[in-house]
Amino acid sequence: MPIKQTEIICACKNLPAAFSGFRVAHVSDLHNARFGKEQEKLLSVLTAMKPDIVAVTGDSIDKRRRGTENALLFLRGAVKIAPVYCVTGNHESASPEFPAFVRALEETGAHLLRNKGEEIYRGEQKITVIGLDDPKFPVPKIGTKAALPIVENRLKELSGEGFRLVLSHHPEYMPAYRASGAGLVLCGHAHGGQIRLPLVGGLYAPGQGVLPKYTAGLYWEENTAMLVSRGLGNSLFPIRVNNPPEVVCAVLTGG
């Protein structure tokens, strides 16, 4: 199935003027899938987007299927296009291959952000990219309600002045992102609701259940925008309907 390229203008509050037009290629839920030889189809999509950075929002590998090479092939190619910032998802938290994957990921030159931030400058102005670890580290069976305060506390610890671009796997934690005052949050996990119907949207998403609220596209709550990618791969449920694999390019502008 061809990869859909989606470009979305994100009019963000308090974005420094120097970052107007900043382009973020958002990749999520690869699940160690392959798109062409050496990931050439996926990497050609990234190249065409001309990103300033690449954000990878979790589930690059799959806990149900052994192997990490397709994810690493993608990362090795992506770092040649733009700086890459990654976070973990629930599949990383449950995969026995995760420790070895981390070591190999770091060797690619990608930045793995585990509850920490890194500053990006344009001239004298900056934004901070914050990466949140999946809350299933270190509590494997935690539910959505119990995880919310964990996410809230992590964001409080990482709060600071200026515009914050948050990378997190889970869109269902939007109340925590909104409360933190994040400028823009990039998430995946929902797989677009897996099956999408006209006028209805996605039918089911983990952590949200039937007729989920956050499955694809841009959502606003107060001054926080959240952009949810439908993602690339699949895991337990392998079928997508009206829901092709997707890479999103978020184009930042001032609000």
Protein backbone atom coordinates (compact mmCIF):
# COMPACT_ATOMS: atom_id res chain seq x y z
CA MET A 1 0.00 0.00 0.00
CA PRO A 2 1.46 3.43 -0.95
CA ILE A 3 2.47 5.80 1.84
CA LYS A 4 0.22 8.85 2.09
CA GLN A 5 2.09 12.13 2.49
CA THR A 6 0.13 14.60 4.60
CA GLU A 7 1.23 18.21 5.15
CA ILE A 8 -0.47 20.11 7.96
CA ILE A 9 0.04 23.77 8.86
CA CYS A 10 0.32 24.12 12.65
CA ALA A 11 -0.36 27.70 13.75
CA CYS A 12 1.30 27.52 17.16
CA LYS A 13 0.98 30.00 19.99
CA ASN A 14 4.22 31.67 21.09
CA LEU A 15 6.33 30.14 18.33
CA PRO A 16 9.54 32.20 17.89
CA ALA A 17 9.49 34.11 14.63
CA ALA A 18 12.71 32.45 13.45
CA PHE A 19 10.91 29.08 13.42
CA SER A 20 8.06 30.13 11.15
CA GLY A 21 8.10 27.58 8.32
CA PHE A 22 10.03 25.00 10.38
CA ARG A 23 9.25 21.56 8.96
CA VAL A 24 8.92 18.42 11.08
CA ALA A 25 8.51 15.04 9.38
CA HIS A 26 6.48 12.93 11.79
CA VAL A 27 6.95 9.15 11.61
CA SER A 28 5.11 6.80 13.97
CA ASP A 29 4.25 3.14 14.50
CA LEU A 30 6.64 1.61 12.01
CA HIS A 31 6.40 -1.75 13.84
CA ASN A 32 9.57 -2.86 12.07
CA ALA A 33 7.76 -2.91 8.72
CA ARG A 34 9.68 -2.53 5.48
CA PHE A 35 8.79 -0.12 2.70
CA GLY A 36 10.94 -1.07 -0.26
CA LYS A 37 14.52 -2.25 -0.42
CA GLU A 38 16.61 -0.56 2.28
CA GLN A 39 13.44 1.39 3.23
CA GLU A 40 13.83 3.39 0.02
CA LYS A 41 10.09 4.13 -0.37
CA LEU A 42 9.81 5.54 3.13
CA LEU A 43 13.06 7.48 2.90
CA SER A 44 12.06 8.98 -0.45
CA VAL A 45 8.91 10.33 1.21
CA LEU A 46 11.03 11.97 3.90
CA THR A 47 13.41 13.45 1.37
CA ALA A 48 10.53 15.00 -0.58
CA MET A 49 9.21 16.65 2.59
CA LYS A 50 12.51 18.56 3.07
CA PRO A 51 12.25 18.41 6.85
CA ASP A 52 14.30 20.43 9.32
CA ILE A 53 13.99 17.54 11.77
CA VAL A 54 12.43 14.06 11.81
CA ALA A 55 10.30 13.11 14.84
CA VAL A 56 9.77 9.39 15.50
CA THR A 57 7.00 8.89 18.06
CA GLY A 58 7.32 5.29 19.17
CA ASP A 59 6.57 1.68 18.28
CA SER A 60 9.43 1.56 15.81
CA ILE A 61 9.77 -2.12 16.73
CA ASP A 62 7.12 -4.73 17.53
CA LYS A 63 6.94 -6.78 20.72
CA ARG A 64 5.08 -9.61 18.91
CA ARG A 65 7.62 -10.11 16.14
CA ARG A 66 11.35 -10.49 16.61
CA GLY A 67 13.71 -8.30 14.68
CA THR A 68 14.74 -4.65 14.65
CA GLU A 69 16.65 -4.37 11.38
CA ASN A 70 13.91 -2.64 9.37
CA ALA A 71 13.59 0.03 12.07
CA LEU A 72 17.35 0.51 12.09
CA LEU A 73 17.52 0.66 8.30
CA PHE A 74 15.03 3.50 8.44
CA LEU A 75 16.94 5.38 11.15
CA ARG A 76 20.28 5.00 9.37
CA GLY A 77 18.75 6.54 6.26
CA ALA A 78 16.72 9.21 8.06
CA VAL A 79 19.72 10.75 9.88
CA LYS A 80 21.21 11.50 6.45
CA ILE A 81 18.15 13.62 5.65
CA ALA A 82 17.74 15.64 8.88
CA PRO A 83 18.40 15.35 12.63
CA VAL A 84 16.23 12.58 14.09
CA TYR A 85 14.53 12.70 17.52
CA CYS A 86 12.91 9.51 18.84
CA VAL A 87 10.76 8.43 21.77
CA THR A 88 9.56 5.05 22.96
CA GLY A 89 6.12 3.48 22.62
CA ASN A 90 4.38 0.64 24.38
CA HIS A 91 6.01 -1.92 22.09
CA GLU A 92 9.49 -0.79 23.05
CA SER A 93 8.48 -1.09 26.71
CA ALA A 94 7.50 -4.75 26.27
CA SER A 95 10.11 -5.96 23.79
CA PRO A 96 12.99 -8.14 25.06
CA GLU A 97 15.03 -6.70 22.19
CA PHE A 98 14.72 -3.11 23.42
CA PRO A 99 18.12 -2.86 25.21
CA ALA A 100 19.97 -4.03 22.11
CA PHE A 101 17.80 -1.78 19.93
CA VAL A 102 18.73 1.26 22.04
CA ARG A 103 22.43 0.59 21.61
CA ALA A 104 22.03 0.21 17.85
CA LEU A 105 19.77 3.27 17.63
CA GLU A 106 22.34 5.45 19.36
CA GLU A 107 24.98 4.27 16.91
CA THR A 108 22.87 5.63 14.03
CA GLY A 109 23.22 9.17 15.39
CA ALA A 110 19.51 9.56 16.18
CA HIS A 111 18.60 11.27 19.46
CA LEU A 112 16.58 9.05 21.82
CA LEU A 113 14.79 11.37 24.27
CA ARG A 114 13.75 9.53 27.41
CA ASN A 115 12.09 12.16 29.61
CA LYS A 116 14.46 14.89 28.57
CA GLY A 117 14.64 17.84 26.22
CA GLU A 118 17.08 19.24 23.70
CA GLU A 119 17.20 22.81 22.43
CA ILE A 120 17.19 23.73 18.76
CA TYR A 121 18.41 27.20 17.77
CA ARG A 122 17.82 29.43 14.80
CA GLY A 123 20.02 32.42 15.35
CA GLU A 124 19.40 33.54 18.93
CA GLN A 125 15.91 32.06 19.12
CA LYS A 126 15.18 28.52 20.24
CA ILE A 127 12.55 25.85 20.74
CA THR A 128 12.88 22.83 23.03
CA VAL A 129 12.10 19.33 21.78
CA ILE A 130 10.90 17.23 24.72
CA GLY A 131 10.66 13.45 24.49
CA LEU A 132 8.47 11.48 26.89
CA ASP A 133 9.16 7.86 27.67
CA ASP A 134 6.19 5.54 27.38
CA PRO A 135 4.59 5.38 30.87
CA LYS A 136 4.82 1.59 30.74
CA PHE A 137 8.48 2.20 31.65
CA PRO A 138 8.75 1.10 34.48
CA VAL A 139 5.13 0.02 35.09
CA PRO A 140 4.28 -2.52 32.35
CA LYS A 141 0.55 -2.97 33.05
CA ILE A 142 -0.42 0.59 33.92
CA GLY A 143 -3.75 1.84 32.51
CA THR A 144 -4.56 5.17 30.92
CA LYS A 145 -6.08 6.80 34.01
CA ALA A 146 -3.24 5.70 36.26
CA ALA A 147 -0.65 6.87 33.72
CA LEU A 148 -2.02 10.41 33.42
CA PRO A 149 -0.41 11.72 36.63
CA ILE A 150 2.89 10.13 35.61
CA VAL A 151 2.81 12.01 32.32
CA GLU A 152 1.76 15.22 34.11
CA ASN A 153 4.65 14.96 36.58
CA ARG A 154 7.18 14.28 33.85
CA LEU A 155 6.03 17.34 31.94
CA LYS A 156 6.25 19.48 35.09
CA GLU A 157 9.84 18.35 35.60
CA LEU A 158 10.60 19.30 32.00
CA SER A 159 8.77 22.62 32.04
CA GLY A 160 10.63 25.78 31.19
CA GLU A 161 10.47 29.01 29.28
CA GLY A 162 9.84 29.18 25.58
CA PHE A 163 8.11 27.05 22.99
CA ARG A 164 8.03 23.31 23.64
CA LEU A 165 7.57 20.66 20.97
CA VAL A 166 6.61 17.45 22.80
CA LEU A 167 7.08 14.00 21.30
CA SER A 168 4.95 11.32 22.97
CA HIS A 169 3.45 8.07 21.75
CA HIS A 170 -0.02 8.40 23.31
CA PRO A 171 -2.69 10.91 22.17
CA GLU A 172 -5.05 9.88 24.99
CA TYR A 173 -2.92 11.89 27.43
CA MET A 174 -4.03 15.16 25.85
CA PRO A 175 -5.29 16.51 29.23
CA ALA A 176 -1.71 16.32 30.55
CA TYR A 177 -0.27 17.98 27.45
CA ARG A 178 -2.85 20.76 27.65
CA ALA A 179 -2.22 21.33 31.36
CA SER A 180 1.52 21.61 30.72
CA GLY A 181 1.06 24.40 28.19
CA ALA A 182 2.98 22.57 25.46
CA GLY A 183 2.95 24.40 22.14
CA LEU A 184 2.69 21.35 19.87
CA VAL A 185 2.55 17.63 20.68
CA LEU A 186 3.23 14.87 18.15
CA CYS A 187 1.69 11.44 18.82
CA GLY A 188 0.84 8.15 17.14
CA HIS A 189 -0.44 4.91 18.73
CA ALA A 190 -4.06 5.14 17.52
CA HIS A 191 -3.29 3.75 14.03
CA GLY A 192 -5.94 6.10 12.66
CA GLY A 193 -8.64 4.11 14.43
CA GLN A 194 -7.63 1.15 12.19
CA ILE A 195 -10.92 1.20 10.24
CA ARG A 196 -12.13 4.65 9.18
CA LEU A 197 -15.66 5.45 8.05
CA PRO A 198 -16.85 8.64 6.31
CA LEU A 199 -18.34 11.18 8.75
CA VAL A 200 -17.41 8.88 11.64
CA GLY A 201 -13.62 8.58 11.62
CA GLY A 202 -11.74 5.80 13.35
CA LEU A 203 -13.60 2.96 15.03
CA TYR A 204 -11.20 1.82 17.73
CA ALA A 205 -7.92 2.87 19.30
CA PRO A 206 -5.94 1.38 22.20
CA GLY A 207 -6.29 3.44 25.34
CA GLN A 208 -9.41 5.14 23.97
CA GLY A 209 -11.70 2.28 23.02
CA VAL A 210 -14.60 2.43 20.54
CA LEU A 211 -15.14 5.67 18.57
CA PRO A 212 -11.95 7.28 19.90
CA LYS A 213 -11.61 11.04 20.12
CA TYR A 214 -8.02 11.36 18.87
CA THR A 215 -7.05 9.26 15.85
CA ALA A 216 -5.64 11.42 13.05
CA GLY A 217 -4.89 15.02 12.24
CA LEU A 218 -4.69 18.21 14.28
CA TYR A 219 -6.53 18.81 17.56
CA TRP A 220 -6.63 22.00 19.61
CA GLU A 221 -7.34 22.33 23.32
CA GLU A 222 -6.76 25.78 24.80
CA ASN A 223 -3.30 26.85 23.55
CA THR A 224 -1.98 23.35 22.90
CA ALA A 225 -2.06 21.70 19.49
CA MET A 226 -1.72 17.94 19.13
CA LEU A 227 -0.95 16.32 15.78
CA VAL A 228 -1.72 12.59 15.56
CA SER A 229 -0.24 10.45 12.80
CA ARG A 230 -2.10 7.39 11.53
CA GLY A 231 1.28 5.68 11.44
CA LEU A 232 2.87 3.19 9.11
CA GLY A 233 2.68 -0.38 10.37
CA ASN A 234 0.33 -2.69 12.21
CA SER A 235 0.64 -5.17 15.05
CA LEU A 236 -2.16 -7.23 16.59
CA PHE A 237 -4.81 -6.20 14.05
CA PRO A 238 -3.18 -6.24 10.59
CA ILE A 239 -5.97 -4.74 8.45
CA ARG A 240 -6.55 -1.06 7.62
CA VAL A 241 -9.69 0.21 5.88
CA ASN A 242 -9.82 3.73 4.35
CA ASN A 243 -6.65 4.27 6.33
CA PRO A 244 -3.40 4.06 4.32
CA PRO A 245 -0.02 4.27 6.06
CA GLU A 246 0.97 7.86 6.58
CA VAL A 247 3.89 10.20 7.16
CA VAL A 248 2.92 13.69 8.27
CA CYS A 249 4.87 16.88 7.72
CA ALA A 250 4.03 19.48 10.35
CA VAL A 251 4.80 23.00 9.13
CA LEU A 252 5.07 25.37 12.08
CA THR A 253 3.81 28.94 11.87
CA GLY A 254 3.05 31.56 14.49
CA GLY A 255 -0.48 31.56 15.94
